[in-house]
Each structure stands twice: as structure tokens, then as C-alpha cells.
């Protein structure tokens, strides 16, 4: 009996020691994984001088974060980072990627570099991502001047596009001087844009602040937008859109449409625009549609608590939209309008 107790005692102690040692290894591995889940673009080769092309460092950071099986953070420290056209694609192995941006991301000064690309920064097929802070400088002034001169110029690039993505949060992002649209949300679900600042010259062409289309569950809140076109433009296929506490001006207001350009087209439904301020804009609240038969529609639209100062056209419902006034179709009618 004494022999059995002596042999059991050492075995029990060895098992306990092994368990403690194993737990220590697992904890150490977890700590290493957490540190690996943070990716600084400078450590990957980006230069904060505004001159060196840092595109590859940003793409490398994305590939590492997207390929991580645990939450990942991409950090952009203070400084100016020159980034050319870049695509950040999913699906990713995790749904908690965070961009923490303290610096300025700037487009190439030569507008021809991005002029025919269409999009400067593209996020597609991403599920679960947040962007916090930062400035995107599209450097679009030279292209605007080219267009104003009547020369043969490229169309320009949209600054940032979220396409076919879901569960996206963008906070405190500033977009300056986009060549074309600033922010586009296309084919997305559950996107929140909050605390954004979007600015371009009042005479900058086609620089819509935020454009939403084919998307559901988008929220635009507590933001300031001043551009040369619509502060917010709402395209076909937009449903369950909420806009609140937005200051607009300069610009063309908040617009739904144009709708009905195509015979077969999804409608716009369940849009709320409330507590908005318009200052020095061409329009306030606008709905524009082509005067031709179409499956497109706009219904359940609520405009509420709008303050307007120096607005040329406070409320516009244009049922015969035809911007070039060439071969314009016949006018259609408003079915119901509730005061």
C-alpha cells in the first residue's frame, strides 16, 4: 500500500506540472498572435514623406490583416503617404479589420495616373471592417481646371468605394478635393458613416460627397459636406437609408435620383432625411426622375426638420429630368405627395 501511494504521488505532481507548462505555452502563443494582428504600414515599407510611392505597403498590410484568422488592425501613423490606385478585396478570414489612420493618404498629383482608373481606393467583398480617422486627399484641383478649360481630360477617379460589402463603419474620415465622387457605397448592407468631413470647391464638377446605390441599411450621421455637386446623392436600389445631422454647403443639396433612366430599374424606398442644414446650396431636398416609363420608383421618403439659408431651390421634385435637353421624354406624374 505504501509503494502504491509513493508511485501515485510523483505521477500526480508530474501531471500538474505538465498542465501548468502547457497553459503557459498556449498563453504565450496567444500573446504572439495578438501582436501579429497589428500591421503598421511604415514597418511594411511606407514612407510618410508624401513623395515615395507607398501603395505596396498598404496592400501588403491589407493582405496580412485579411488573411489573419483573428481581429486585425492596420495603423497609418502621422505623415503624408502617397498611394496610387489600390484594391482591398475580401472575403477575409476574419470579420473585424480596423484601419486606424492618423496621417494623410494622398493621391498622385498628376491626375492622369488615376484619371481613367475609375476608383482610387476600392474595398470589395469585405464583411466586418472599420475605418477611424485620417484624411484622403484626392488632389483633384488640377483636373477640375482641365475640365473647366474645355480640354480633352480624363473623367477622374472616385476617392473611395465600398462595393458588395457589409457591416462597415467609417468614423471621423475626412475626404478632400476628390477628382470625382468622394465616397461611393454600392451594393452594400449595413454601412455607417459618422463624423465625416467632405470638402471640395463649390465649382468642382461631379464631386458628389456621398453616393449610395443598390444598398440597404446605410446611415450617414453627424457629418459636414461641402462640394461642387450633390452633398448626398441617392441612386436606384437604395432602401432603408437614414441621414441625420448633416450640414450641406456648398453643393447641390441632397438628391434622390436621377431615377427612371432605364426601363427596368430598382426603386428607392424607406429614406429618412432629418435634422439637416443647408447653407449656400443650389438645392435643398430634391427628387429627380426621367419622364419615361420605368419600373423605378421612390416611396416612403421622409424629409423632416431641415434648416435652409441662402438656398436657391429649397424643395425640388423634377419629373422630367433631362440634363442635356436633347430628345427629352414625356413627363410622368407624382402619385402621392403628403405635406
Protein backbone atom coordinates (compact mmCIF):
# COMPACT_ATOMS: atom_id res chain seq x y z
CA UNK A 1 0.00 0.00 0.00
CA UNK A 2 2.85 2.39 0.85
CA UNK A 3 4.51 1.63 -2.51
CA UNK A 4 1.32 2.49 -4.45
CA UNK A 5 0.94 5.83 -2.67
CA UNK A 6 4.57 6.77 -3.30
CA UNK A 7 4.33 5.97 -7.01
CA UNK A 8 0.99 7.78 -7.43
CA UNK A 9 2.23 10.90 -5.70
CA UNK A 10 5.07 11.68 -8.15
CA UNK A 11 2.85 10.89 -11.16
CA UNK A 12 0.17 13.32 -9.95
CA UNK A 13 2.79 16.03 -9.48
CA UNK A 14 4.21 15.46 -12.95
CA UNK A 15 0.73 15.73 -14.49
CA UNK A 16 0.10 19.04 -12.71
CA UNK A 17 3.47 20.37 -13.83
CA UNK A 18 2.71 19.40 -17.44
CA UNK A 19 -0.68 21.13 -17.29
CA UNK A 20 0.85 24.36 -15.97
CA UNK A 21 3.60 24.23 -18.61
CA UNK A 22 1.05 23.59 -21.39
CA UNK A 23 -1.13 26.51 -20.28
CA UNK A 24 1.92 28.77 -20.24
CA UNK A 25 2.75 27.79 -23.83
CA UNK A 26 -0.81 28.41 -25.02
CA UNK A 27 -0.92 31.82 -23.31
CA UNK A 28 2.41 32.77 -24.87
CA UNK A 29 1.17 31.76 -28.32
CA UNK A 30 -1.96 33.87 -27.86
CA UNK A 31 0.13 36.91 -26.92
CA UNK A 32 2.28 36.45 -30.03
CA UNK A 33 -0.85 36.17 -32.20
CA UNK A 34 -2.25 39.43 -30.79
CA UNK A 35 0.95 41.28 -31.67
CA UNK A 36 1.00 39.72 -35.12
CA UNK A 37 -2.57 41.04 -35.61
CA UNK A 38 -1.30 44.65 -35.79
CA UNK A 39 0.15 45.90 -39.04
CA UNK A 40 1.87 49.29 -39.31
CA UNK A 41 2.25 50.47 -42.90
CA UNK A 42 5.59 52.14 -42.11
CA UNK A 43 7.03 48.88 -40.79
CA UNK A 44 5.96 47.35 -44.11
CA UNK A 45 7.81 49.93 -46.17
CA UNK A 46 5.56 53.00 -46.42
CA UNK A 47 7.28 56.40 -46.27
CA UNK A 48 5.47 59.35 -44.61
CA UNK A 49 7.10 61.90 -46.93
CA UNK A 50 4.28 62.37 -49.45
CA UNK A 51 6.72 61.59 -52.28
CA UNK A 52 7.59 57.90 -52.11
CA UNK A 53 5.00 55.54 -53.58
CA UNK A 54 3.65 53.60 -50.60
CA UNK A 55 0.95 51.67 -52.45
CA UNK A 56 2.54 48.25 -52.00
CA UNK A 57 2.96 48.72 -48.24
CA UNK A 58 -0.76 49.49 -47.87
CA UNK A 59 -1.71 46.48 -49.99
CA UNK A 60 0.67 44.25 -48.00
CA UNK A 61 -0.89 45.42 -44.74
CA UNK A 62 -4.33 44.59 -46.09
CA UNK A 63 -3.32 41.13 -47.30
CA UNK A 64 -1.87 40.32 -43.89
CA UNK A 65 -4.90 41.65 -41.99
CA UNK A 66 -7.38 39.98 -44.33
CA UNK A 67 -5.51 36.70 -44.09
CA UNK A 68 -5.45 36.76 -40.30
CA UNK A 69 -7.85 34.40 -38.54
CA UNK A 70 -8.18 36.81 -35.63
CA UNK A 71 -9.12 40.51 -35.42
CA UNK A 72 -6.53 42.71 -37.10
CA UNK A 73 -5.60 46.40 -37.01
CA UNK A 74 -3.85 48.38 -39.75
CA UNK A 75 -2.21 51.56 -38.48
CA UNK A 76 -1.28 54.59 -40.55
CA UNK A 77 0.82 56.94 -38.38
CA UNK A 78 1.11 60.73 -38.83
CA UNK A 79 2.63 61.97 -42.07
CA UNK A 80 1.70 62.10 -45.76
CA UNK A 81 1.56 58.83 -47.66
CA UNK A 82 1.46 58.75 -51.46
CA UNK A 83 -0.79 55.90 -52.60
CA UNK A 84 -1.77 55.09 -56.16
CA UNK A 85 -4.80 53.08 -57.22
CA UNK A 86 -5.35 50.22 -54.78
CA UNK A 87 -7.91 47.45 -54.36
CA UNK A 88 -8.57 45.83 -50.98
CA UNK A 89 -10.54 42.66 -51.62
CA UNK A 90 -12.25 40.05 -49.48
CA UNK A 91 -13.61 37.72 -48.40
CA UNK A 92 -11.29 37.80 -45.41
CA UNK A 93 -10.58 35.17 -42.79
CA UNK A 94 -11.90 37.45 -40.03
CA UNK A 95 -14.70 39.99 -39.83
CA UNK A 96 -13.02 42.54 -37.55
CA UNK A 97 -10.45 44.51 -39.51
CA UNK A 98 -9.76 48.01 -38.24
CA UNK A 99 -7.99 50.85 -40.02
CA UNK A 100 -6.58 53.35 -37.52
CA UNK A 101 -5.45 56.35 -39.56
CA UNK A 102 -3.65 59.36 -38.11
CA UNK A 103 -1.94 60.55 -41.28
CA UNK A 104 -2.90 61.86 -44.71
CA UNK A 105 -3.25 59.48 -47.65
CA UNK A 106 -2.68 61.43 -50.83
CA UNK A 107 -3.36 60.59 -54.47
CA UNK A 108 -0.73 61.23 -57.17
CA UNK A 109 -0.50 64.91 -58.12
CA UNK A 110 -0.66 64.00 -61.83
CA UNK A 111 -4.36 63.37 -62.47
CA UNK A 112 -3.52 61.19 -65.48
CA UNK A 113 -2.25 58.46 -63.15
CA UNK A 114 -5.77 57.78 -61.82
CA UNK A 115 -7.84 59.72 -64.34
CA UNK A 116 -9.10 56.72 -66.29
CA UNK A 117 -8.96 54.14 -63.50
CA UNK A 118 -12.40 54.98 -62.10
CA UNK A 119 -11.61 54.41 -58.43
CA UNK A 120 -8.66 55.41 -56.28
CA UNK A 121 -9.28 53.22 -53.18
CA UNK A 122 -11.63 50.25 -53.64
CA UNK A 123 -12.91 47.94 -50.90
CA UNK A 124 -14.88 45.00 -52.24
CA UNK A 125 -16.48 41.87 -50.76
CA UNK A 126 -15.49 42.83 -47.23
CA UNK A 127 -17.59 41.75 -44.23
CA UNK A 128 -16.79 43.50 -40.96
CA UNK A 129 -14.41 46.46 -41.18
CA UNK A 130 -13.98 49.85 -39.55
CA UNK A 131 -12.05 52.94 -40.60
CA UNK A 132 -11.25 55.51 -37.93
CA UNK A 133 -9.80 58.95 -38.57
CA UNK A 134 -7.49 60.02 -41.34
CA UNK A 135 -7.52 62.31 -44.36
CA UNK A 136 -7.87 61.28 -48.00
CA UNK A 137 -6.56 63.97 -50.35
CA UNK A 138 -7.63 63.33 -53.94
CA UNK A 139 -5.64 66.32 -55.28
CA UNK A 140 -8.37 66.96 -57.83
CA UNK A 141 -7.92 70.72 -58.41
CA UNK A 142 -5.73 70.31 -61.49
CA UNK A 143 -8.28 68.02 -63.12
CA UNK A 144 -11.12 70.44 -62.34
CA UNK A 145 -9.12 73.19 -64.06
CA UNK A 146 -8.55 70.96 -67.06
CA UNK A 147 -12.28 70.30 -67.37
CA UNK A 148 -13.10 74.00 -66.96
CA UNK A 149 -10.74 74.86 -69.82
CA UNK A 150 -12.66 72.65 -72.24
CA UNK A 151 -9.65 70.47 -72.97
CA UNK A 152 -9.81 66.73 -73.51
CA UNK A 153 -9.43 65.49 -69.92
CA UNK A 154 -9.86 62.11 -68.22
CA UNK A 155 -13.08 61.66 -66.26
CA UNK A 156 -11.25 61.25 -62.94
CA UNK A 157 -11.35 58.77 -60.09
CA UNK A 158 -13.75 58.40 -57.18
CA UNK A 159 -11.77 58.68 -53.95
CA UNK A 160 -13.10 55.66 -52.03
CA UNK A 161 -15.64 52.99 -52.97
CA UNK A 162 -17.22 50.30 -50.82
CA UNK A 163 -18.65 47.65 -53.13
CA UNK A 164 -20.58 44.46 -52.36
CA UNK A 165 -19.60 44.69 -48.71
CA UNK A 166 -21.40 44.59 -45.38
CA UNK A 167 -21.04 45.64 -41.75
CA UNK A 168 -18.78 48.63 -42.43
CA UNK A 169 -18.24 51.54 -40.00
CA UNK A 170 -16.42 54.69 -41.10
CA UNK A 171 -15.78 57.29 -38.38
CA UNK A 172 -14.15 60.73 -38.50
CA UNK A 173 -12.82 60.30 -42.03
CA UNK A 174 -12.00 63.46 -44.00
CA UNK A 175 -12.10 63.49 -47.80
CA UNK A 176 -10.61 66.47 -49.62
CA UNK A 177 -10.56 67.55 -53.25
CA UNK A 178 -11.73 64.37 -54.91
CA UNK A 179 -11.24 64.14 -58.66
CA UNK A 180 -14.77 62.77 -59.00
CA UNK A 181 -17.15 61.44 -56.32
CA UNK A 182 -15.74 61.38 -52.79
CA UNK A 183 -17.41 58.33 -51.19
CA UNK A 184 -19.48 55.69 -53.00
CA UNK A 185 -21.46 52.92 -51.30
CA UNK A 186 -22.50 50.37 -53.92
CA UNK A 187 -24.23 47.04 -53.38
CA UNK A 188 -23.66 47.11 -49.62
CA UNK A 189 -25.57 46.25 -46.46
CA UNK A 190 -25.25 47.84 -43.03
CA UNK A 191 -22.83 50.70 -43.58
CA UNK A 192 -22.46 53.53 -41.06
CA UNK A 193 -20.72 56.77 -41.97
CA UNK A 194 -20.37 59.07 -38.97
CA UNK A 195 -18.44 62.23 -38.21
CA UNK A 196 -17.25 62.56 -41.80
CA UNK A 197 -15.89 65.76 -43.30
CA UNK A 198 -16.09 66.03 -47.08
CA UNK A 199 -14.86 69.15 -48.84
CA UNK A 200 -14.16 70.34 -52.37
CA UNK A 201 -14.52 73.66 -54.16
CA UNK A 202 -18.05 74.78 -54.92
CA UNK A 203 -17.22 74.81 -58.63
CA UNK A 204 -15.61 71.36 -58.73
CA UNK A 205 -17.52 69.21 -61.25
CA UNK A 206 -19.19 65.90 -60.31
CA UNK A 207 -17.67 65.77 -56.84
CA UNK A 208 -20.68 64.27 -55.05
CA UNK A 209 -19.96 63.94 -51.33
CA UNK A 210 -21.58 60.56 -50.67
CA UNK A 211 -23.32 58.46 -53.32
CA UNK A 212 -25.43 55.46 -52.30
CA UNK A 213 -26.88 52.91 -54.73
CA UNK A 214 -28.11 49.31 -54.68
CA UNK A 215 -27.59 49.30 -50.91
CA UNK A 216 -29.63 48.73 -47.76
CA UNK A 217 -29.21 49.80 -44.15
CA UNK A 218 -26.89 52.75 -44.76
CA UNK A 219 -26.62 55.51 -42.12
CA UNK A 220 -24.98 58.90 -42.70
CA UNK A 221 -24.80 60.87 -39.46
CA UNK A 222 -23.15 63.88 -37.81
CA UNK A 223 -21.23 64.89 -40.93
CA UNK A 224 -20.23 68.05 -42.81
CA UNK A 225 -20.25 68.01 -46.60
CA UNK A 226 -19.39 70.82 -48.99
CA UNK A 227 -18.74 70.08 -52.68
CA UNK A 228 -19.43 71.15 -56.24
CA UNK A 229 -22.26 68.66 -56.70
CA UNK A 230 -24.75 66.77 -54.51
CA UNK A 231 -23.81 66.55 -50.85
CA UNK A 232 -25.57 63.19 -50.82
CA UNK A 233 -26.89 61.51 -53.96
CA UNK A 234 -29.22 58.53 -53.69
CA UNK A 235 -29.34 56.17 -56.63
CA UNK A 236 -31.58 53.34 -57.76
CA UNK A 237 -31.85 50.31 -55.49
CA UNK A 238 -31.33 52.21 -52.24
CA UNK A 239 -33.52 51.07 -49.33
CA UNK A 240 -33.61 51.81 -45.61
CA UNK A 241 -31.33 54.84 -45.77
CA UNK A 242 -31.03 57.12 -42.73
CA UNK A 243 -29.46 60.61 -42.96
CA UNK A 244 -29.34 62.74 -39.81
CA UNK A 245 -27.45 65.77 -38.50
CA UNK A 246 -25.73 66.55 -41.78
CA UNK A 247 -24.56 70.04 -42.76
CA UNK A 248 -24.54 70.61 -46.53
CA UNK A 249 -22.95 73.50 -48.38
CA UNK A 250 -21.75 74.47 -50.83
CA UNK A 251 -23.27 71.93 -53.17
CA UNK A 252 -26.43 70.83 -54.92
CA UNK A 253 -28.24 69.53 -51.84
CA UNK A 254 -29.45 66.03 -51.02
CA UNK A 255 -30.86 64.35 -54.12
CA UNK A 256 -32.75 61.18 -54.92
CA UNK A 257 -32.07 60.19 -58.49
CA UNK A 258 -31.94 60.53 -61.23
CA UNK A 259 -34.41 57.66 -61.41
CA UNK A 260 -36.13 56.02 -64.34
CA UNK A 261 -33.42 56.41 -66.94
CA UNK A 262 -33.66 52.67 -67.65
CA UNK A 263 -36.91 50.85 -68.38
CA UNK A 264 -36.09 48.16 -65.82
CA UNK A 265 -34.65 49.63 -62.66
CA UNK A 266 -34.95 49.03 -58.90
CA UNK A 267 -36.64 51.71 -56.84
CA UNK A 268 -35.71 53.82 -53.84
CA UNK A 269 -37.63 53.08 -50.65
CA UNK A 270 -37.66 53.96 -46.95
CA UNK A 271 -35.41 57.01 -46.91
CA UNK A 272 -35.29 59.34 -43.89
CA UNK A 273 -33.56 62.73 -44.02
CA UNK A 274 -33.86 64.71 -40.78
CA UNK A 275 -32.16 67.48 -38.83
CA UNK A 276 -30.14 68.68 -41.82
CA UNK A 277 -28.80 72.17 -42.52
CA UNK A 278 -28.28 73.63 -45.99
CA UNK A 279 -26.20 76.80 -46.44
CA UNK A 280 -25.40 78.38 -49.79
CA UNK A 281 -26.56 75.43 -51.85
CA UNK A 282 -28.21 75.25 -55.26
CA UNK A 283 -30.93 72.95 -53.94
CA UNK A 284 -32.14 71.68 -50.62
CA UNK A 285 -34.11 68.43 -50.91
CA UNK A 286 -34.56 67.09 -54.43
CA UNK A 287 -36.13 64.14 -56.24
CA UNK A 288 -35.37 63.87 -59.95
CA UNK A 289 -36.69 61.31 -62.43
CA UNK A 290 -36.68 60.87 -66.17
CA UNK A 291 -40.08 61.30 -67.80
CA UNK A 292 -40.31 57.87 -69.37
CA UNK A 293 -41.93 54.53 -68.46
CA UNK A 294 -39.80 52.65 -65.96
CA UNK A 295 -40.11 50.15 -63.13
CA UNK A 296 -38.16 52.58 -60.94
CA UNK A 297 -39.89 54.40 -58.10
CA UNK A 298 -39.38 56.45 -54.95
CA UNK A 299 -41.65 55.77 -51.99
CA UNK A 300 -41.76 56.14 -48.22
CA UNK A 301 -39.48 59.17 -48.30
CA UNK A 302 -39.37 61.39 -45.19
CA UNK A 303 -37.78 64.85 -45.21
CA UNK A 304 -38.01 66.36 -41.72
CA UNK A 305 -36.58 69.31 -39.78
CA UNK A 306 -34.45 70.92 -42.49
CA UNK A 307 -32.94 74.37 -42.00
CA UNK A 308 -32.07 76.31 -45.15
CA UNK A 309 -30.09 79.51 -45.59
CA UNK A 310 -29.37 81.09 -48.97
CA UNK A 311 -30.71 78.07 -50.87
CA UNK A 312 -31.83 78.71 -54.45
CA UNK A 313 -34.38 75.86 -54.65
CA UNK A 314 -35.40 74.59 -51.20
CA UNK A 315 -37.53 71.65 -52.41
CA UNK A 316 -37.43 70.26 -55.96
CA UNK A 317 -39.44 67.42 -57.50
CA UNK A 318 -38.30 67.20 -61.12
CA UNK A 319 -40.33 64.63 -63.05
CA UNK A 320 -38.82 65.43 -66.42
CA UNK A 321 -35.12 65.30 -65.71
CA UNK A 322 -33.12 65.69 -68.90
CA UNK A 323 -29.76 67.33 -68.23
CA UNK A 324 -28.75 67.94 -71.84
CA UNK A 325 -32.25 68.85 -73.07
CA UNK A 326 -31.86 66.59 -76.11
CA UNK A 327 -34.58 64.08 -77.09
CA UNK A 328 -36.20 64.50 -73.71
CA UNK A 329 -39.01 62.02 -72.92
CA UNK A 330 -42.53 62.94 -71.84
CA UNK A 331 -43.28 63.91 -68.27
CA UNK A 332 -44.68 61.47 -65.69
CA UNK A 333 -46.78 62.36 -62.68
CA UNK A 334 -46.40 62.28 -58.92
CA UNK A 335 -48.76 59.69 -57.47
CA UNK A 336 -48.94 60.94 -53.89
CA UNK A 337 -47.34 63.83 -52.08
CA UNK A 338 -48.02 64.31 -48.38
CA UNK A 339 -47.32 67.66 -46.72
